[in-house]
């Protein structure tokens, strides 16, 4: 479809394809953001959403996650505020650092970022102070215990 118009010719010459998501619908990752409420359409609009929204999503709404320090929404809000406050998180050079297998570690101006992709915790020697983490992080001196599937950002002083 061209510009969302079913049956219109495609200017790029690409064939029209059917949706390949769940039950012939679009990918579930593209379901509208739940805003508020206890049931679908979760504040999306008075007409609802043409994509299904699972009942379990009430706990994922903006309304439900606002103010919850452990929520994904508040993590993203904190990360965006940090990015605005620290120029090193914006555009610039990045340097990969040595790290154990399954851990990504890089440095930017005055910052370190460590991402543990493993299921188990990892102990890292990271200078500086923690700024933000996606999970509980233990810091003793320059030693950091980074849980599995967790990311953290540090002010490195470098």
Foldseek 3Di string as FASTA:
>chain_A
DDPPDPPDQHPVNDDDDFADDPPRDHPPVPQDAQAADQAPPNPPDPVGDPDDDDSVCRCVHPVNCVPPCLHPVVLVVQVVVVCVVDVQNDDDDKAWDDDPPQWTWIDTVQKIKIFRQDQAKDKDQAAAAWDGKNDDWDDDHRIITAGHRMMTMGRRVD
